[in-house]
Amino acid sequence: MTASPDHHEHGRPEQPLGPAADGPVDGGDGAEQPERSPGPGAKPLIIGITALVLVLAGVVVAAFLTSRMGASGQPTDSPTPPPPPLALPLAAGELSRDPNATSDPDTIDTDIETVSATYQRNAVPSLVVIAGRPVSDPARMLELVQAEAVRPVQNGLCGRDAESGFDVCVAVRGNVSALGVGIAAQPITDIMDDTNSVLAAMEV
């Protein structure tokens, strides 16, 4: 009797159909099948994470640069500390002054910081010094005291105080000028030398 094609051969049970097992699949000849690569949706995810990291890094760098720059976009420098108060030295060469004597600021010009002191030589008053800042032009200092007969002497300018009749000389270092008034009838070159000595001893 011929077997019907709708029947399975006798003795061969049907193989159940079920979900594939996890892990590598044995192809039957003993060789493992390679693992499957991530699906096409994994690459956009990786690219998106990388882009997010780059954006965050850019934000951090921008915040750092902003903190170092002012509103104009220029780098902000630390503020320059103000210079020390203008002060005349206690001694300069053969000259000295009374450390207990008060030195009130002179009112030569409201825009100029000034200080003055009287110096002695061998216990005899010899030179009155008025220092001013900022004054980088010696002619400006002589103009403020209304000096006459102004002329160059050594590295500065000298003249005569119209009110007192004393000879005066001005020496300059940086933006500080020192005006020396000779009150001991000394030669004008000595006034300039003493004025330079006092200016050189100042901390400017």
Protein backbone atom coordinates (compact mmCIF):
# COMPACT_ATOMS: atom_id res chain seq x y z
CA MET A 1 0.00 0.00 0.00
CA THR A 2 1.45 3.36 -0.99
CA ALA A 3 1.96 5.89 1.82
CA SER A 4 0.06 9.10 1.57
CA PRO A 5 2.22 12.17 1.00
CA ASP A 6 0.39 13.90 3.89
CA HIS A 7 1.97 11.57 6.43
CA HIS A 8 5.52 11.68 7.84
CA GLU A 9 7.75 8.75 7.51
CA HIS A 10 7.34 6.29 10.26
CA GLY A 11 9.86 6.68 13.06
CA ARG A 12 10.87 10.38 12.40
CA PRO A 13 9.31 12.58 15.06
CA GLU A 14 8.55 16.15 14.20
CA GLN A 15 11.09 18.76 15.45
CA PRO A 16 9.43 21.31 17.71
CA LEU A 17 9.62 24.89 16.57
CA GLY A 18 10.77 27.22 19.36
CA PRO A 19 12.79 30.35 20.01
CA ALA A 20 16.44 30.23 19.05
CA ALA A 21 18.84 29.73 21.93
CA ASP A 22 21.05 32.61 23.00
CA GLY A 23 24.74 32.58 22.24
CA PRO A 24 26.67 31.18 19.30
CA VAL A 25 24.86 28.62 17.15
CA ASP A 26 26.52 25.38 16.24
CA GLY A 27 26.23 24.92 12.53
CA GLY A 28 26.28 21.20 12.91
CA ASP A 29 29.82 20.70 11.73
CA GLY A 30 31.31 21.80 15.09
CA ALA A 31 32.14 25.39 14.07
CA GLU A 32 30.59 28.25 16.05
CA GLN A 33 28.80 30.95 14.13
CA PRO A 34 30.16 34.53 14.69
CA GLU A 35 28.19 36.88 16.91
CA ARG A 36 26.00 39.29 15.07
CA SER A 37 27.12 42.98 14.97
CA PRO A 38 24.92 45.66 16.52
CA GLY A 39 21.93 46.53 14.46
CA PRO A 40 21.75 49.65 12.35
CA GLY A 41 20.10 51.62 15.19
CA ALA A 42 23.19 51.40 17.47
CA LYS A 43 25.45 53.66 15.36
CA PRO A 44 23.20 56.75 15.55
CA LEU A 45 23.03 56.29 19.32
CA ILE A 46 26.83 56.24 19.66
CA ILE A 47 27.18 59.28 17.38
CA GLY A 48 24.57 61.15 19.42
CA ILE A 49 26.38 60.48 22.73
CA THR A 50 29.70 61.62 21.25
CA ALA A 51 28.12 64.83 19.98
CA LEU A 52 26.62 65.52 23.41
CA VAL A 53 30.03 65.11 25.08
CA LEU A 54 31.58 67.55 22.61
CA VAL A 55 28.82 70.10 23.22
CA LEU A 56 29.28 69.88 27.00
CA ALA A 57 33.04 70.27 26.61
CA GLY A 58 32.47 73.38 24.49
CA VAL A 59 30.18 74.87 27.13
CA VAL A 60 32.81 74.34 29.84
CA VAL A 61 35.54 75.97 27.74
CA ALA A 62 33.28 78.91 26.87
CA ALA A 63 32.41 79.45 30.53
CA PHE A 64 36.11 79.44 31.45
CA LEU A 65 36.99 81.98 28.76
CA THR A 66 34.08 84.20 29.74
CA SER A 67 35.26 84.25 33.33
CA ARG A 68 38.69 85.43 32.15
CA MET A 69 37.32 88.18 29.92
CA GLY A 70 35.41 91.36 30.60
CA ALA A 71 32.19 92.52 29.06
CA SER A 72 34.09 93.84 26.04
CA GLY A 73 35.50 90.43 25.29
CA GLN A 74 39.02 91.50 26.18
CA PRO A 75 41.08 89.57 28.77
CA THR A 76 40.71 91.12 32.21
CA ASP A 77 43.95 91.91 33.99
CA SER A 78 44.38 92.08 37.70
CA PRO A 79 44.00 95.67 38.95
CA THR A 80 47.31 97.49 39.40
CA PRO A 81 47.95 98.22 43.06
CA PRO A 82 48.20 101.93 43.88
CA PRO A 83 51.68 103.36 44.48
CA PRO A 84 52.80 103.91 48.07
CA PRO A 85 52.07 107.34 49.55
CA LEU A 86 54.53 110.01 48.53
CA ALA A 87 57.12 110.48 51.27
CA LEU A 88 60.40 112.30 51.61
CA PRO A 89 63.46 110.50 53.03
CA LEU A 90 64.73 111.22 56.51
CA ALA A 91 68.26 111.70 55.17
CA ALA A 92 69.96 112.23 51.82
CA GLY A 93 73.71 112.68 51.68
CA GLU A 94 74.68 115.38 54.18
CA LEU A 95 71.08 116.49 54.55
CA SER A 96 68.65 115.32 57.22
CA ARG A 97 65.23 116.33 58.44
CA ASP A 98 63.41 116.16 61.76
CA PRO A 99 61.51 112.82 61.81
CA ASN A 100 58.98 114.29 64.24
CA ALA A 101 58.16 117.31 62.11
CA THR A 102 54.75 117.17 60.48
CA SER A 103 54.63 117.34 56.72
CA ASP A 104 51.25 118.63 55.65
CA PRO A 105 50.40 118.25 51.96
CA ASP A 106 50.94 121.48 50.04
CA THR A 107 48.04 122.93 48.10
CA ILE A 108 50.00 123.80 44.98
CA ASP A 109 47.51 122.01 42.73
CA THR A 110 44.52 119.87 43.66
CA ASP A 111 45.39 117.30 40.97
CA ILE A 112 48.92 116.76 42.28
CA GLU A 113 49.91 114.82 45.38
CA THR A 114 52.54 116.87 47.20
CA VAL A 115 54.63 116.63 50.35
CA SER A 116 57.29 118.95 51.77
CA ALA A 117 60.04 119.01 54.39
CA THR A 118 62.90 121.23 55.55
CA TYR A 119 66.39 119.68 55.46
CA GLN A 120 69.37 120.75 57.52
CA ARG A 121 73.07 120.54 56.94
CA ASN A 122 75.22 120.60 60.08
CA ALA A 123 72.12 121.52 62.12
CA VAL A 124 71.52 124.59 59.93
CA PRO A 125 68.36 124.79 57.78
CA SER A 126 69.54 124.57 54.19
CA LEU A 127 66.90 123.28 51.78
CA VAL A 128 63.12 123.10 51.58
CA VAL A 129 61.96 120.30 49.30
CA ILE A 130 58.50 120.01 47.77
CA ALA A 131 57.85 116.73 45.95
CA GLY A 132 54.90 116.35 43.58
CA ARG A 133 53.26 113.46 41.71
CA PRO A 134 52.35 113.11 38.90
CA VAL A 135 54.62 115.82 37.50
CA SER A 136 57.05 114.67 34.84
CA ASP A 137 57.82 118.13 33.41
CA PRO A 138 60.12 120.28 35.58
CA ALA A 139 58.77 123.43 33.94
CA ARG A 140 55.32 122.57 35.26
CA MET A 141 56.61 122.54 38.85
CA LEU A 142 58.32 125.92 38.41
CA GLU A 143 55.15 127.29 36.84
CA LEU A 144 53.12 126.21 39.86
CA VAL A 145 55.37 128.23 42.20
CA GLN A 146 55.49 131.14 39.71
CA ALA A 147 59.27 131.02 39.33
CA GLU A 148 61.07 133.62 37.25
CA ALA A 149 64.30 133.59 35.23
CA VAL A 150 63.92 129.87 34.48
CA ARG A 151 66.98 128.24 32.92
CA PRO A 152 68.43 124.74 32.55
CA VAL A 153 70.95 123.64 35.13
CA GLN A 154 72.54 120.17 34.97
CA ASN A 155 69.68 117.66 34.46
CA GLY A 156 66.86 119.99 35.52
CA LEU A 157 65.58 123.52 35.57
CA CYS A 158 66.22 126.36 38.01
CA GLY A 159 64.69 129.77 38.60
CA ARG A 160 63.87 132.27 41.32
CA ASP A 161 60.79 132.34 43.49
CA ALA A 162 59.18 135.73 42.81
CA GLU A 163 57.61 135.97 46.27
CA SER A 164 60.53 134.96 48.51
CA GLY A 165 63.47 135.72 46.24
CA PHE A 166 65.04 132.30 46.90
CA ASP A 167 66.61 130.29 44.13
CA VAL A 168 64.69 127.11 43.28
CA CYS A 169 65.58 124.01 41.24
CA VAL A 170 63.56 121.05 39.99
CA ALA A 171 64.72 117.49 39.30
CA VAL A 172 62.49 114.76 37.85
CA ARG A 173 62.45 110.97 38.15
CA GLY A 174 59.62 109.15 36.43
CA ASN A 175 56.40 110.98 37.27
CA VAL A 176 57.77 112.54 40.47
CA SER A 177 59.30 116.00 40.61
CA ALA A 178 61.29 117.44 43.49
CA LEU A 179 61.57 121.18 43.87
CA GLY A 180 64.39 122.40 46.10
CA VAL A 181 64.36 125.88 47.60
CA GLY A 182 67.78 127.12 48.72
CA ILE A 183 67.35 128.95 52.01
CA ALA A 184 71.03 129.22 52.96
CA ALA A 185 72.19 131.50 50.12
CA GLN A 186 74.04 128.56 48.56
CA PRO A 187 75.07 128.46 44.87
CA ILE A 188 72.37 127.30 42.50
CA THR A 189 74.43 124.26 41.49
CA ASP A 190 74.47 123.15 45.15
CA ILE A 191 70.69 123.49 45.27
CA MET A 192 70.40 121.24 42.23
CA ASP A 193 72.84 118.68 43.69
CA ASP A 194 70.94 118.53 46.99
CA THR A 195 67.58 118.30 45.23
CA ASN A 196 68.85 115.37 43.14
CA SER A 197 70.12 113.65 46.31
CA VAL A 198 66.73 113.90 48.00
CA LEU A 199 64.90 112.67 44.89
CA ALA A 200 67.29 109.72 44.51
CA ALA A 201 66.61 108.66 48.12
CA MET A 202 62.84 108.67 47.63
CA GLU A 203 60.93 105.42 47.09
CA VAL A 204 59.03 106.13 43.87
